[in-house]
Amino acid sequence: MRILNLYSGIGGNRELWSDSHDVTAVELNEKRASKYKSLFPNDTVIVANAHEYLLDHHKEFDFIWSSPPCQTHSRANYFINNGVAKRPRYPNMELYQEILFLQNFYKGLYCVENVISYYEPLIKPQKIGRHYLWANFKIPKIRLSKNDIGSMTKGWNTACKIHIDERNKCDPNLGKHILDCSQGIYKQHQQKIGVLF
């Protein structure tokens, strides 16, 4: 399967995907992209704006995973920004731009992942753990690790040195679960095409 992994960070969502896929990761931060490449040397890693890359390359992939920055949507950010020292920020609407774009112009399978927002979502998502998921296929609920609630996975707090990218990465079990769900649908679709031709 040809997979586009947008806003890939260091690859938390991709950690448990097999190497049998042709994965292209897009990350704007060069240090994160370099770390991703060291962890997943068989993937194609592109340092670019993921939002723009999606517009230009969406037709090249069977499955698209997008995890736009969540800071302006987070419930924690809402409480922090309503404190005395900081002023509130507008939510970054690129999240909804991508959902609408994928819903209307993309023919493959997709999942857009983000945190549970401080506001009622503008487009109804599926929900698993601390994640909102917008996908064009059903994602059955699974139980995630207790550490997912605190946005950390086992082993990340080594010697009290928590790296920000590791704290914020998606639970690898969720990433695998979503890809597994999409693959079942992708395989069914491929079988139907095979029957027609």
C-alpha atoms as a PDB file:
ATOM      1  CA  MET A   1       0.000   0.000   0.000  1.00  0.00           C
ATOM      2  CA  ARG A   2       1.273   3.519  -0.824  1.00  0.00           C
ATOM      3  CA  ILE A   3       0.937   5.573   2.363  1.00  0.00           C
ATOM      4  CA  LEU A   4       1.336   9.301   2.898  1.00  0.00           C
ATOM      5  CA  ASN A   5       2.205  10.138   6.524  1.00  0.00           C
ATOM      6  CA  LEU A   6       1.677  13.886   6.970  1.00  0.00           C
ATOM      7  CA  TYR A   7       3.094  15.861   9.916  1.00  0.00           C
ATOM      8  CA  SER A   8       5.067  12.712  10.642  1.00  0.00           C
ATOM      9  CA  GLY A   9       7.161  14.079  13.497  1.00  0.00           C
ATOM     10  CA  ILE A  10       9.441  11.265  14.623  1.00  0.00           C
ATOM     11  CA  GLY A  11       6.946   8.597  13.546  1.00  0.00           C
ATOM     12  CA  GLY A  12       4.975   7.535  16.619  1.00  0.00           C
ATOM     13  CA  ASN A  13       1.917   6.584  14.576  1.00  0.00           C
ATOM     14  CA  ARG A  14       4.124   4.607  12.147  1.00  0.00           C
ATOM     15  CA  GLU A  15       6.149   2.727  14.767  1.00  0.00           C
ATOM     16  CA  LEU A  16       4.194  -0.555  14.512  1.00  0.00           C
ATOM     17  CA  TRP A  17       3.444  -0.458  10.777  1.00  0.00           C
ATOM     18  CA  SER A  18       5.234  -3.176   8.845  1.00  0.00           C
ATOM     19  CA  ASP A  19       7.949  -2.378   6.318  1.00  0.00           C
ATOM     20  CA  SER A  20       5.868  -3.973   3.558  1.00  0.00           C
ATOM     21  CA  HIS A  21       4.293  -0.587   2.776  1.00  0.00           C
ATOM     22  CA  ASP A  22       5.681   2.188   0.590  1.00  0.00           C
ATOM     23  CA  VAL A  23       5.586   5.067   3.120  1.00  0.00           C
ATOM     24  CA  THR A  24       6.273   8.719   2.350  1.00  0.00           C
ATOM     25  CA  ALA A  25       6.626  10.886   5.469  1.00  0.00           C
ATOM     26  CA  VAL A  26       6.344  14.677   5.323  1.00  0.00           C
ATOM     27  CA  GLU A  27       7.724  16.775   8.177  1.00  0.00           C
ATOM     28  CA  LEU A  28       8.666  20.466   8.125  1.00  0.00           C
ATOM     29  CA  ASN A  29      11.118  20.340  11.051  1.00  0.00           C
ATOM     30  CA  GLU A  30      14.491  19.074   9.752  1.00  0.00           C
ATOM     31  CA  LYS A  31      15.600  17.613  13.111  1.00  0.00           C
ATOM     32  CA  ARG A  32      12.388  15.629  13.469  1.00  0.00           C
ATOM     33  CA  ALA A  33      12.617  14.485   9.852  1.00  0.00           C
ATOM     34  CA  SER A  34      16.200  13.337  10.442  1.00  0.00           C
ATOM     35  CA  LYS A  35      15.174  11.401  13.557  1.00  0.00           C
ATOM     36  CA  TYR A  36      12.282   9.824  11.636  1.00  0.00           C
ATOM     37  CA  LYS A  37      14.661   8.738   8.839  1.00  0.00           C
ATOM     38  CA  SER A  38      17.020   7.148  11.368  1.00  0.00           C
ATOM     39  CA  LEU A  39      14.121   5.174  12.859  1.00  0.00           C
ATOM     40  CA  PHE A  40      12.533   4.213   9.507  1.00  0.00           C
ATOM     41  CA  PRO A  41      15.347   4.141   6.915  1.00  0.00           C
ATOM     42  CA  ASN A  42      13.189   2.450   4.246  1.00  0.00           C
ATOM     43  CA  ASP A  43      10.638   5.282   4.198  1.00  0.00           C
ATOM     44  CA  THR A  44      10.892   8.275   1.905  1.00  0.00           C
ATOM     45  CA  VAL A  45      11.204  11.365   4.116  1.00  0.00           C
ATOM     46  CA  ILE A  46      10.434  14.798   2.695  1.00  0.00           C
ATOM     47  CA  VAL A  47      11.116  18.060   4.528  1.00  0.00           C
ATOM     48  CA  ALA A  48       8.202  20.220   3.420  1.00  0.00           C
ATOM     49  CA  ASN A  49       4.950  21.864   4.442  1.00  0.00           C
ATOM     50  CA  ALA A  50       2.573  18.896   4.900  1.00  0.00           C
ATOM     51  CA  HIS A  51      -0.543  21.003   4.275  1.00  0.00           C
ATOM     52  CA  GLU A  52       0.714  22.076   0.845  1.00  0.00           C
ATOM     53  CA  TYR A  53       2.161  18.642   0.042  1.00  0.00           C
ATOM     54  CA  LEU A  54      -1.292  17.107   0.492  1.00  0.00           C
ATOM     55  CA  LEU A  55      -2.774  19.399  -2.179  1.00  0.00           C
ATOM     56  CA  ASP A  56      -0.064  18.592  -4.711  1.00  0.00           C
ATOM     57  CA  HIS A  57       0.375  14.837  -4.143  1.00  0.00           C
ATOM     58  CA  HIS A  58      -2.834  13.307  -2.730  1.00  0.00           C
ATOM     59  CA  LYS A  59      -3.564  11.313  -5.910  1.00  0.00           C
ATOM     60  CA  GLU A  60      -0.303   9.350  -5.563  1.00  0.00           C
ATOM     61  CA  PHE A  61      -1.361   7.399  -2.446  1.00  0.00           C
ATOM     62  CA  ASP A  62      -3.772   4.660  -1.362  1.00  0.00           C
ATOM     63  CA  PHE A  63      -3.954   5.780   2.277  1.00  0.00           C
ATOM     64  CA  ILE A  64      -3.324   9.187   3.841  1.00  0.00           C
ATOM     65  CA  TRP A  65      -2.656   9.758   7.537  1.00  0.00           C
ATOM     66  CA  SER A  66      -2.670  13.376   8.647  1.00  0.00           C
ATOM     67  CA  SER A  67      -2.017  14.594  12.174  1.00  0.00           C
ATOM     68  CA  PRO A  68      -1.967  18.408  12.013  1.00  0.00           C
ATOM     69  CA  PRO A  69      -0.586  20.378  14.975  1.00  0.00           C
ATOM     70  CA  CYS A  70      -3.020  20.141  17.868  1.00  0.00           C
ATOM     71  CA  GLN A  71      -1.906  22.955  20.169  1.00  0.00           C
ATOM     72  CA  THR A  72      -4.582  25.474  19.178  1.00  0.00           C
ATOM     73  CA  HIS A  73      -7.364  22.880  19.505  1.00  0.00           C
ATOM     74  CA  SER A  74      -6.322  21.243  22.785  1.00  0.00           C
ATOM     75  CA  ARG A  75      -8.401  21.530  25.946  1.00  0.00           C
ATOM     76  CA  ALA A  76      -5.152  22.057  27.881  1.00  0.00           C
ATOM     77  CA  ASN A  77      -4.253  24.970  25.616  1.00  0.00           C
ATOM     78  CA  TYR A  78      -7.652  26.543  26.259  1.00  0.00           C
ATOM     79  CA  PHE A  79      -7.096  26.570  30.019  1.00  0.00           C
ATOM     80  CA  ILE A  80      -3.469  27.747  29.734  1.00  0.00           C
ATOM     81  CA  ASN A  81      -4.329  30.546  27.297  1.00  0.00           C
ATOM     82  CA  ASN A  82      -7.159  31.805  29.462  1.00  0.00           C
ATOM     83  CA  GLY A  83      -4.694  32.409  32.300  1.00  0.00           C
ATOM     84  CA  VAL A  84      -3.438  35.866  33.221  1.00  0.00           C
ATOM     85  CA  ALA A  85      -0.097  35.676  31.376  1.00  0.00           C
ATOM     86  CA  LYS A  86      -1.318  34.587  27.939  1.00  0.00           C
ATOM     87  CA  ARG A  87      -3.999  35.640  25.541  1.00  0.00           C
ATOM     88  CA  PRO A  88      -6.179  33.156  23.608  1.00  0.00           C
ATOM     89  CA  ARG A  89      -5.306  32.142  20.060  1.00  0.00           C
ATOM     90  CA  TYR A  90      -7.519  31.338  17.109  1.00  0.00           C
ATOM     91  CA  PRO A  91      -7.796  27.616  16.379  1.00  0.00           C
ATOM     92  CA  ASN A  92      -5.713  26.667  13.342  1.00  0.00           C
ATOM     93  CA  MET A  93      -8.358  25.854  10.739  1.00  0.00           C
ATOM     94  CA  GLU A  94      -6.004  23.870   8.508  1.00  0.00           C
ATOM     95  CA  LEU A  95      -7.313  20.828  10.417  1.00  0.00           C
ATOM     96  CA  TYR A  96     -10.805  21.329   8.967  1.00  0.00           C
ATOM     97  CA  GLN A  97      -9.465  22.380   5.572  1.00  0.00           C
ATOM     98  CA  GLU A  98      -7.764  18.992   5.279  1.00  0.00           C
ATOM     99  CA  ILE A  99     -10.809  17.037   6.454  1.00  0.00           C
ATOM    100  CA  LEU A 100     -13.065  18.800   3.924  1.00  0.00           C
ATOM    101  CA  PHE A 101     -10.483  18.438   1.163  1.00  0.00           C
ATOM    102  CA  LEU A 102     -10.089  14.695   1.766  1.00  0.00           C
ATOM    103  CA  GLN A 103     -13.853  14.165   2.038  1.00  0.00           C
ATOM    104  CA  ASN A 104     -14.485  15.837  -1.306  1.00  0.00           C
ATOM    105  CA  PHE A 105     -11.431  15.365  -3.514  1.00  0.00           C
ATOM    106  CA  TYR A 106      -9.568  12.249  -2.375  1.00  0.00           C
ATOM    107  CA  LYS A 107     -10.557   8.821  -3.690  1.00  0.00           C
ATOM    108  CA  GLY A 108      -8.460   6.656  -1.334  1.00  0.00           C
ATOM    109  CA  LEU A 109      -8.698   5.923   2.385  1.00  0.00           C
ATOM    110  CA  TYR A 110      -7.728   8.542   4.953  1.00  0.00           C
ATOM    111  CA  CYS A 111      -7.553   9.295   8.643  1.00  0.00           C
ATOM    112  CA  VAL A 112      -7.028  12.726  10.185  1.00  0.00           C
ATOM    113  CA  GLU A 113      -6.018  12.505  13.854  1.00  0.00           C
ATOM    114  CA  ASN A 114      -6.096  15.242  16.472  1.00  0.00           C
ATOM    115  CA  VAL A 115      -6.718  15.778  20.172  1.00  0.00           C
ATOM    116  CA  ILE A 116     -10.108  16.204  21.794  1.00  0.00           C
ATOM    117  CA  SER A 117     -10.792  19.893  21.359  1.00  0.00           C
ATOM    118  CA  TYR A 118     -11.934  22.471  23.888  1.00  0.00           C
ATOM    119  CA  TYR A 119     -14.872  23.271  21.582  1.00  0.00           C
ATOM    120  CA  GLU A 120     -17.560  21.140  19.961  1.00  0.00           C
ATOM    121  CA  PRO A 121     -15.942  19.798  16.745  1.00  0.00           C
ATOM    122  CA  LEU A 122     -17.210  21.448  13.562  1.00  0.00           C
ATOM    123  CA  ILE A 123     -17.240  18.098  11.772  1.00  0.00           C
ATOM    124  CA  LYS A 124     -18.266  15.057  13.813  1.00  0.00           C
ATOM    125  CA  PRO A 125     -15.277  12.760  14.493  1.00  0.00           C
ATOM    126  CA  GLN A 126     -14.859   9.240  15.767  1.00  0.00           C
ATOM    127  CA  LYS A 127     -13.263   9.141  19.225  1.00  0.00           C
ATOM    128  CA  ILE A 128     -10.727   6.755  20.744  1.00  0.00           C
ATOM    129  CA  GLY A 129      -8.988   7.598  24.009  1.00  0.00           C
ATOM    130  CA  ARG A 130      -7.741  11.203  23.843  1.00  0.00           C
ATOM    131  CA  HIS A 131      -7.997  11.274  20.053  1.00  0.00           C
ATOM    132  CA  TYR A 132     -10.515  12.604  17.568  1.00  0.00           C
ATOM    133  CA  LEU A 133     -10.370  10.737  14.268  1.00  0.00           C
ATOM    134  CA  TRP A 134     -11.931  11.802  10.981  1.00  0.00           C
ATOM    135  CA  ALA A 135     -11.830   8.892   8.520  1.00  0.00           C
ATOM    136  CA  ASN A 136     -13.820   7.559   5.598  1.00  0.00           C
ATOM    137  CA  PHE A 137     -14.034   4.125   7.228  1.00  0.00           C
ATOM    138  CA  LYS A 138     -15.201   2.853  10.617  1.00  0.00           C
ATOM    139  CA  ILE A 139     -12.513   2.535  13.269  1.00  0.00           C
ATOM    140  CA  PRO A 140     -13.646   0.206  16.083  1.00  0.00           C
ATOM    141  CA  LYS A 141     -12.739   1.358  19.578  1.00  0.00           C
ATOM    142  CA  ILE A 142      -9.719  -0.179  21.283  1.00  0.00           C
ATOM    143  CA  ARG A 143      -8.293   0.216  24.751  1.00  0.00           C
ATOM    144  CA  LEU A 144      -5.105   2.260  24.680  1.00  0.00           C
ATOM    145  CA  SER A 145      -2.375   2.223  27.302  1.00  0.00           C
ATOM    146  CA  LYS A 146      -2.912   4.314  30.421  1.00  0.00           C
ATOM    147  CA  ASN A 147       0.112   6.301  29.337  1.00  0.00           C
ATOM    148  CA  ASP A 148      -1.749   7.502  26.223  1.00  0.00           C
ATOM    149  CA  ILE A 149      -3.970   9.600  28.487  1.00  0.00           C
ATOM    150  CA  GLY A 150      -0.922  11.569  29.610  1.00  0.00           C
ATOM    151  CA  SER A 151       0.443  11.657  26.048  1.00  0.00           C
ATOM    152  CA  MET A 152       3.425   9.487  26.890  1.00  0.00           C
ATOM    153  CA  THR A 153       4.154   5.862  26.076  1.00  0.00           C
ATOM    154  CA  LYS A 154       6.223   3.413  28.163  1.00  0.00           C
ATOM    155  CA  GLY A 155       9.942   4.020  28.170  1.00  0.00           C
ATOM    156  CA  TRP A 156       9.838   7.656  27.109  1.00  0.00           C
ATOM    157  CA  ASN A 157      10.646   9.020  30.574  1.00  0.00           C
ATOM    158  CA  THR A 158      14.172   7.645  30.723  1.00  0.00           C
ATOM    159  CA  ALA A 159      16.207   9.262  33.499  1.00  0.00           C
ATOM    160  CA  CYS A 160      13.607  12.079  33.739  1.00  0.00           C
ATOM    161  CA  LYS A 161      14.643  13.389  30.308  1.00  0.00           C
ATOM    162  CA  ILE A 162      11.443  13.674  28.316  1.00  0.00           C
ATOM    163  CA  HIS A 163      11.937  14.911  24.789  1.00  0.00           C
ATOM    164  CA  ILE A 164       9.059  17.106  23.572  1.00  0.00           C
ATOM    165  CA  ASP A 165       8.663  15.217  20.273  1.00  0.00           C
ATOM    166  CA  GLU A 166       8.414  11.911  22.107  1.00  0.00           C
ATOM    167  CA  ARG A 167       5.872  13.257  24.592  1.00  0.00           C
ATOM    168  CA  ASN A 168       3.636  14.430  21.794  1.00  0.00           C
ATOM    169  CA  LYS A 169       3.835  11.465  19.466  1.00  0.00           C
ATOM    170  CA  CYS A 170       0.752   9.408  18.711  1.00  0.00           C
ATOM    171  CA  ASP A 171       0.306   6.089  20.531  1.00  0.00           C
ATOM    172  CA  PRO A 172       1.860   3.461  18.191  1.00  0.00           C
ATOM    173  CA  ASN A 173      -0.938   0.994  19.031  1.00  0.00           C
ATOM    174  CA  LEU A 174      -3.521   3.461  17.748  1.00  0.00           C
ATOM    175  CA  GLY A 175      -1.506   4.015  14.571  1.00  0.00           C
ATOM    176  CA  LYS A 176      -1.350   0.256  13.930  1.00  0.00           C
ATOM    177  CA  HIS A 177      -5.042  -0.230  14.727  1.00  0.00           C
ATOM    178  CA  ILE A 178      -6.103   2.474  12.267  1.00  0.00           C
ATOM    179  CA  LEU A 179      -3.844   1.166   9.495  1.00  0.00           C
ATOM    180  CA  ASP A 180      -5.083  -2.398  10.089  1.00  0.00           C
ATOM    181  CA  CYS A 181      -8.694  -1.184   9.792  1.00  0.00           C
ATOM    182  CA  SER A 182      -7.915   0.674   6.574  1.00  0.00           C
ATOM    183  CA  GLN A 183      -6.084  -2.324   5.104  1.00  0.00           C
ATOM    184  CA  GLY A 184      -9.116  -4.545   5.516  1.00  0.00           C
ATOM    185  CA  ILE A 185     -11.143  -2.068   3.466  1.00  0.00           C
ATOM    186  CA  TYR A 186      -8.320  -1.548   0.953  1.00  0.00           C
ATOM    187  CA  LYS A 187      -8.000  -5.307   0.374  1.00  0.00           C
ATOM    188  CA  GLN A 188     -11.773  -5.637  -0.139  1.00  0.00           C
ATOM    189  CA  HIS A 189     -11.644  -2.807  -2.687  1.00  0.00           C
ATOM    190  CA  GLN A 190      -8.724  -4.426  -4.553  1.00  0.00           C
ATOM    191  CA  GLN A 191     -10.606  -7.742  -4.687  1.00  0.00           C
ATOM    192  CA  LYS A 192     -13.673  -6.040  -6.197  1.00  0.00           C
ATOM    193  CA  ILE A 193     -11.501  -4.386  -8.843  1.00  0.00           C
ATOM    194  CA  GLY A 194      -9.950  -7.781  -9.620  1.00  0.00           C
ATOM    195  CA  VAL A 195     -13.391  -9.288 -10.164  1.00  0.00           C
ATOM    196  CA  LEU A 196     -14.410  -6.516 -12.564  1.00  0.00           C
ATOM    197  CA  PHE A 197     -11.369  -6.858 -14.827  1.00  0.00           C
END
